PDB file of N, CA and C in Angstrom:
ATOM      1  N   UNK A   1      -1.844 -20.094   8.869  1.00  0.00           N
ATOM      2  CA  UNK A   1      -1.863 -20.162   6.945  1.00  0.00           C
ATOM      3  C   UNK A   1      -0.622 -20.815   6.498  1.00  0.00           C
ATOM      4  N   UNK A   2      -0.842 -20.643   4.705  1.00  0.00           N
ATOM      5  CA  UNK A   2      -0.421 -21.966   4.049  1.00  0.00           C
ATOM      6  C   UNK A   2       0.636 -21.198   3.305  1.00  0.00           C
ATOM      7  N   UNK A   3       1.229 -21.332   2.643  1.00  0.00           N
ATOM      8  CA  UNK A   3       2.271 -21.169   1.651  1.00  0.00           C
ATOM      9  C   UNK A   3       1.867 -19.678   0.876  1.00  0.00           C
ATOM     10  N   UNK A   4       0.567 -19.914   0.366  1.00  0.00           N
ATOM     11  CA  UNK A   4       0.471 -19.009  -0.526  1.00  0.00           C
ATOM     12  C   UNK A   4       0.413 -17.563   0.386  1.00  0.00           C
ATOM     13  N   UNK A   5      -0.736 -17.698   1.614  1.00  0.00           N
ATOM     14  CA  UNK A   5      -0.919 -16.768   2.772  1.00  0.00           C
ATOM     15  C   UNK A   5       0.716 -16.043   2.835  1.00  0.00           C
ATOM     16  N   UNK A   6       1.627 -16.443   2.886  1.00  0.00           N
ATOM     17  CA  UNK A   6       2.648 -16.393   3.571  1.00  0.00           C
ATOM     18  C   UNK A   6       3.739 -15.129   1.779  1.00  0.00           C
ATOM     19  N   UNK A   7       3.359 -15.689   1.213  1.00  0.00           N
ATOM     20  CA  UNK A   7       3.681 -15.012  -0.360  1.00  0.00           C
ATOM     21  C   UNK A   7       2.796 -14.144   0.039  1.00  0.00           C
ATOM     22  N   UNK A   8       1.475 -13.808  -0.509  1.00  0.00           N
ATOM     23  CA  UNK A   8       0.286 -12.413  -0.572  1.00  0.00           C
ATOM     24  C   UNK A   8       1.030 -12.272   0.765  1.00  0.00           C
ATOM     25  N   UNK A   9       1.150 -12.147   1.653  1.00  0.00           N
ATOM     26  CA  UNK A   9       1.828 -11.363   3.363  1.00  0.00           C
ATOM     27  C   UNK A   9       3.146 -10.749   2.345  1.00  0.00           C
ATOM     28  N   UNK A  10       4.158 -11.435   2.194  1.00  0.00           N
ATOM     29  CA  UNK A  10       5.589 -10.654   2.130  1.00  0.00           C
ATOM     30  C   UNK A  10       5.524  -9.133   0.302  1.00  0.00           C
ATOM     31  N   UNK A  11       4.142 -10.256  -0.786  1.00  0.00           N
ATOM     32  CA  UNK A  11       3.963  -8.911  -0.955  1.00  0.00           C
ATOM     33  C   UNK A  11       2.926  -7.821  -1.217  1.00  0.00           C
ATOM     34  N   UNK A  12       1.942  -7.724  -0.192  1.00  0.00           N
ATOM     35  CA  UNK A  12       1.894  -7.031   0.802  1.00  0.00           C
ATOM     36  C   UNK A  12       3.010  -5.788   1.458  1.00  0.00           C
ATOM     37  N   UNK A  13       3.541  -6.290   1.580  1.00  0.00           N
ATOM     38  CA  UNK A  13       4.720  -5.634   3.052  1.00  0.00           C
ATOM     39  C   UNK A  13       6.114  -4.805   1.717  1.00  0.00           C
ATOM     40  N   UNK A  14       5.689  -5.717   0.846  1.00  0.00           N
ATOM     41  CA  UNK A  14       6.912  -4.995  -0.883  1.00  0.00           C
ATOM     42  C   UNK A  14       5.964  -3.361  -1.267  1.00  0.00           C
ATOM     43  N   UNK A  15       4.541  -3.866  -0.675  1.00  0.00           N
ATOM     44  CA  UNK A  15       3.712  -2.614  -1.968  1.00  0.00           C
ATOM     45  C   UNK A  15       3.607  -1.699  -0.773  1.00  0.00           C
ATOM     46  N   UNK A  16       3.291  -2.151   0.854  1.00  0.00           N
ATOM     47  CA  UNK A  16       3.501  -0.967   1.660  1.00  0.00           C
ATOM     48  C   UNK A  16       5.237  -0.079   1.826  1.00  0.00           C
ATOM     49  N   UNK A  17       5.704  -0.875   1.796  1.00  0.00           N
ATOM     50  CA  UNK A  17       7.408  -0.153   1.761  1.00  0.00           C
ATOM     51  C   UNK A  17       7.138   1.130   0.108  1.00  0.00           C
ATOM     52  N   UNK A  18       7.179   0.204  -0.226  1.00  0.00           N
ATOM     53  CA  UNK A  18       7.057   0.919  -1.791  1.00  0.00           C
ATOM     54  C   UNK A  18       6.341   2.066  -1.781  1.00  0.00           C
ATOM     55  N   UNK A  19       4.831   2.006  -1.403  1.00  0.00           N
ATOM     56  CA  UNK A  19       3.753   3.288  -1.306  1.00  0.00           C
ATOM     57  C   UNK A  19       4.706   4.281  -0.351  1.00  0.00           C
ATOM     58  N   UNK A  20       4.978   3.651   0.661  1.00  0.00           N
ATOM     59  CA  UNK A  20       5.567   4.679   1.802  1.00  0.00           C
ATOM     60  C   UNK A  20       6.963   5.170   1.341  1.00  0.00           C
ATOM     61  N   UNK A  21       7.874   4.754   0.496  1.00  0.00           N
ATOM     62  CA  UNK A  21       8.887   5.172  -0.149  1.00  0.00           C
ATOM     63  C   UNK A  21       8.470   6.329  -1.296  1.00  0.00           C
ATOM     64  N   UNK A  22       7.914   6.219  -1.893  1.00  0.00           N
ATOM     65  CA  UNK A  22       7.468   6.938  -2.954  1.00  0.00           C
ATOM     66  C   UNK A  22       6.596   7.893  -2.910  1.00  0.00           C
ATOM     67  N   UNK A  23       5.590   7.907  -1.943  1.00  0.00           N
ATOM     68  CA  UNK A  23       4.522   8.963  -1.678  1.00  0.00           C
ATOM     69  C   UNK A  23       5.087   9.512  -0.633  1.00  0.00           C
ATOM     70  N   UNK A  24       5.578   9.623   0.643  1.00  0.00           N
ATOM     71  CA  UNK A  24       5.836   9.736   1.680  1.00  0.00           C
ATOM     72  C   UNK A  24       4.654   9.674   2.860  1.00  0.00           C
ATOM     73  N   UNK A  25       4.005   8.887   2.116  1.00  0.00           N
ATOM     74  CA  UNK A  25       2.811   8.602   3.128  1.00  0.00           C
ATOM     75  C   UNK A  25       2.963   7.521   4.626  1.00  0.00           C
ATOM     76  N   UNK A  26       2.367   6.919   5.274  1.00  0.00           N
ATOM     77  CA  UNK A  26       2.917   6.945   6.758  1.00  0.00           C
ATOM     78  C   UNK A  26       2.483   5.268   6.717  1.00  0.00           C
ATOM     79  N   UNK A  27       3.118   4.563   7.247  1.00  0.00           N
ATOM     80  CA  UNK A  27       2.795   3.159   6.978  1.00  0.00           C
ATOM     81  C   UNK A  27       1.133   2.408   7.512  1.00  0.00           C
ATOM     82  N   UNK A  28       1.085   3.392   8.315  1.00  0.00           N
ATOM     83  CA  UNK A  28      -0.595   2.848   8.531  1.00  0.00           C
ATOM     84  C   UNK A  28      -1.611   3.055   7.617  1.00  0.00           C
ATOM     85  N   UNK A  29      -1.096   4.509   7.141  1.00  0.00           N
ATOM     86  CA  UNK A  29      -2.270   4.593   5.432  1.00  0.00           C
ATOM     87  C   UNK A  29      -1.889   4.051   4.362  1.00  0.00           C
ATOM     88  N   UNK A  30      -0.912   3.508   4.386  1.00  0.00           N
ATOM     89  CA  UNK A  30      -0.105   2.262   3.170  1.00  0.00           C
ATOM     90  C   UNK A  30      -0.710   1.083   3.792  1.00  0.00           C
ATOM     91  N   UNK A  31      -0.927   0.872   4.989  1.00  0.00           N
ATOM     92  CA  UNK A  31      -1.844  -0.509   5.149  1.00  0.00           C
ATOM     93  C   UNK A  31      -3.264  -0.616   4.873  1.00  0.00           C
ATOM     94  N   UNK A  32      -3.775   0.964   4.873  1.00  0.00           N
ATOM     95  CA  UNK A  32      -4.945   1.019   5.310  1.00  0.00           C
ATOM     96  C   UNK A  32      -5.405   1.385   3.395  1.00  0.00           C
ATOM     97  N   UNK A  33      -5.064   1.954   2.557  1.00  0.00           N
ATOM     98  CA  UNK A  33      -5.039   2.180   0.933  1.00  0.00           C
ATOM     99  C   UNK A  33      -5.379   0.411   1.032  1.00  0.00           C
ATOM    100  N   UNK A  34      -4.099  -0.607   1.152  1.00  0.00           N
ATOM    101  CA  UNK A  34      -4.283  -1.414   0.394  1.00  0.00           C
ATOM    102  C   UNK A  34      -5.582  -2.374   0.565  1.00  0.00           C
ATOM    103  N   UNK A  35      -5.656  -2.483   2.167  1.00  0.00           N
ATOM    104  CA  UNK A  35      -7.127  -2.627   2.038  1.00  0.00           C
ATOM    105  C   UNK A  35      -8.392  -2.475   1.400  1.00  0.00           C
ATOM    106  N   UNK A  36      -8.217  -0.958   1.516  1.00  0.00           N
ATOM    107  CA  UNK A  36      -9.541  -0.856   0.626  1.00  0.00           C
ATOM    108  C   UNK A  36      -9.638  -0.521  -0.768  1.00  0.00           C
ATOM    109  N   UNK A  37      -8.689  -0.791  -1.414  1.00  0.00           N
ATOM    110  CA  UNK A  37      -8.116  -0.157  -3.083  1.00  0.00           C
ATOM    111  C   UNK A  37      -8.440  -2.142  -3.803  1.00  0.00           C
ATOM    112  N   UNK A  38      -6.869  -2.210  -2.628  1.00  0.00           N
ATOM    113  CA  UNK A  38      -6.863  -3.687  -3.079  1.00  0.00           C
ATOM    114  C   UNK A  38      -4.848  -3.817  -3.514  1.00  0.00           C
ATOM    115  N   UNK A  39      -4.167  -3.975  -4.754  1.00  0.00           N
ATOM    116  CA  UNK A  39      -3.299  -4.490  -5.020  1.00  0.00           C
ATOM    117  C   UNK A  39      -3.263  -3.753  -6.367  1.00  0.00           C
ATOM    118  N   UNK A  40      -3.813  -2.969  -6.933  1.00  0.00           N
ATOM    119  CA  UNK A  40      -3.237  -2.339  -8.522  1.00  0.00           C
ATOM    120  C   UNK A  40      -2.782  -1.173  -8.420  1.00  0.00           C
ATOM    121  N   UNK A  41      -1.630  -1.142  -8.579  1.00  0.00           N
ATOM    122  CA  UNK A  41      -0.835  -0.124  -8.131  1.00  0.00           C
ATOM    123  C   UNK A  41      -0.798   1.297  -8.828  1.00  0.00           C
ATOM    124  N   UNK A  42      -1.227   1.854  -9.918  1.00  0.00           N
ATOM    125  CA  UNK A  42      -1.770   3.175 -10.710  1.00  0.00           C
ATOM    126  C   UNK A  42      -3.058   3.382  -9.585  1.00  0.00           C
ATOM    127  N   UNK A  43      -3.781   2.856  -8.978  1.00  0.00           N
ATOM    128  CA  UNK A  43      -4.606   3.758  -7.935  1.00  0.00           C
ATOM    129  C   UNK A  43      -3.853   3.470  -6.294  1.00  0.00           C
ATOM    130  N   UNK A  44      -3.857   2.583  -6.409  1.00  0.00           N
ATOM    131  CA  UNK A  44      -2.819   3.206  -5.275  1.00  0.00           C
ATOM    132  C   UNK A  44      -2.142   4.631  -4.898  1.00  0.00           C
ATOM    133  N   UNK A  45      -1.432   4.376  -6.151  1.00  0.00           N
ATOM    134  CA  UNK A  45      -0.037   5.994  -6.096  1.00  0.00           C
ATOM    135  C   UNK A  45      -1.500   6.921  -6.480  1.00  0.00           C
ATOM    136  N   UNK A  46      -2.352   6.974  -6.781  1.00  0.00           N
ATOM    137  CA  UNK A  46      -2.918   8.389  -7.858  1.00  0.00           C
ATOM    138  C   UNK A  46      -4.096   8.244  -5.792  1.00  0.00           C
ATOM    139  N   UNK A  47      -4.380   7.512  -5.100  1.00  0.00           N
ATOM    140  CA  UNK A  47      -4.867   7.702  -3.733  1.00  0.00           C
ATOM    141  C   UNK A  47      -4.223   8.167  -2.758  1.00  0.00           C
ATOM    142  N   UNK A  48      -3.099   7.455  -2.558  1.00  0.00           N
ATOM    143  CA  UNK A  48      -1.858   8.003  -1.887  1.00  0.00           C
ATOM    144  C   UNK A  48      -0.871   9.475  -1.731  1.00  0.00           C
ATOM    145  N   UNK A  49      -1.604   9.914  -3.900  1.00  0.00           N
ATOM    146  CA  UNK A  49      -0.867  10.972  -3.682  1.00  0.00           C
ATOM    147  C   UNK A  49      -2.078  12.133  -3.725  1.00  0.00           C
ATOM    148  N   UNK A  50      -3.353  11.844  -3.477  1.00  0.00           N
ATOM    149  CA  UNK A  50      -4.465  13.247  -3.225  1.00  0.00           C
ATOM    150  C   UNK A  50      -4.665  12.848  -1.686  1.00  0.00           C
ATOM    151  N   UNK A  51      -4.371  11.716  -1.063  1.00  0.00           N
ATOM    152  CA  UNK A  51      -4.352  11.664   0.945  1.00  0.00           C
ATOM    153  C   UNK A  51      -3.048  12.689   1.230  1.00  0.00           C
ATOM    154  N   UNK A  52      -1.637  12.631   0.542  1.00  0.00           N
ATOM    155  CA  UNK A  52      -0.645  13.558   1.087  1.00  0.00           C
ATOM    156  C   UNK A  52      -0.979  15.149   0.555  1.00  0.00           C
ATOM    157  N   UNK A  53      -1.571  15.490  -0.724  1.00  0.00           N
ATOM    158  CA  UNK A  53      -1.800  16.832  -0.548  1.00  0.00           C
ATOM    159  C   UNK A  53      -3.369  17.085   0.051  1.00  0.00           C
ATOM    160  N   UNK A  54      -4.360  16.140   0.996  1.00  0.00           N
ATOM    161  CA  UNK A  54      -5.087  16.678   1.380  1.00  0.00           C
ATOM    162  C   UNK A  54      -3.948  17.053   2.978  1.00  0.00           C
ATOM    163  N   UNK A  55      -3.156  16.679   3.578  1.00  0.00           N
ATOM    164  CA  UNK A  55      -3.100  16.937   4.828  1.00  0.00           C
ATOM    165  C   UNK A  55      -1.758  18.272   4.444  1.00  0.00           C
TER     166      UNK A  55
END
């Protein structure tokens, strides 16, 4: 993994933590959403809130 890979992984970790904190979903759910949707914050928030409302 090159330098860019580490930077990208660090950004994903920040997104996971922020998504968990702001929406109260699990870390696994946050990682799954990022894997499916990508890193668009508005889309992640929308889907995380939808997911949380279902449970």
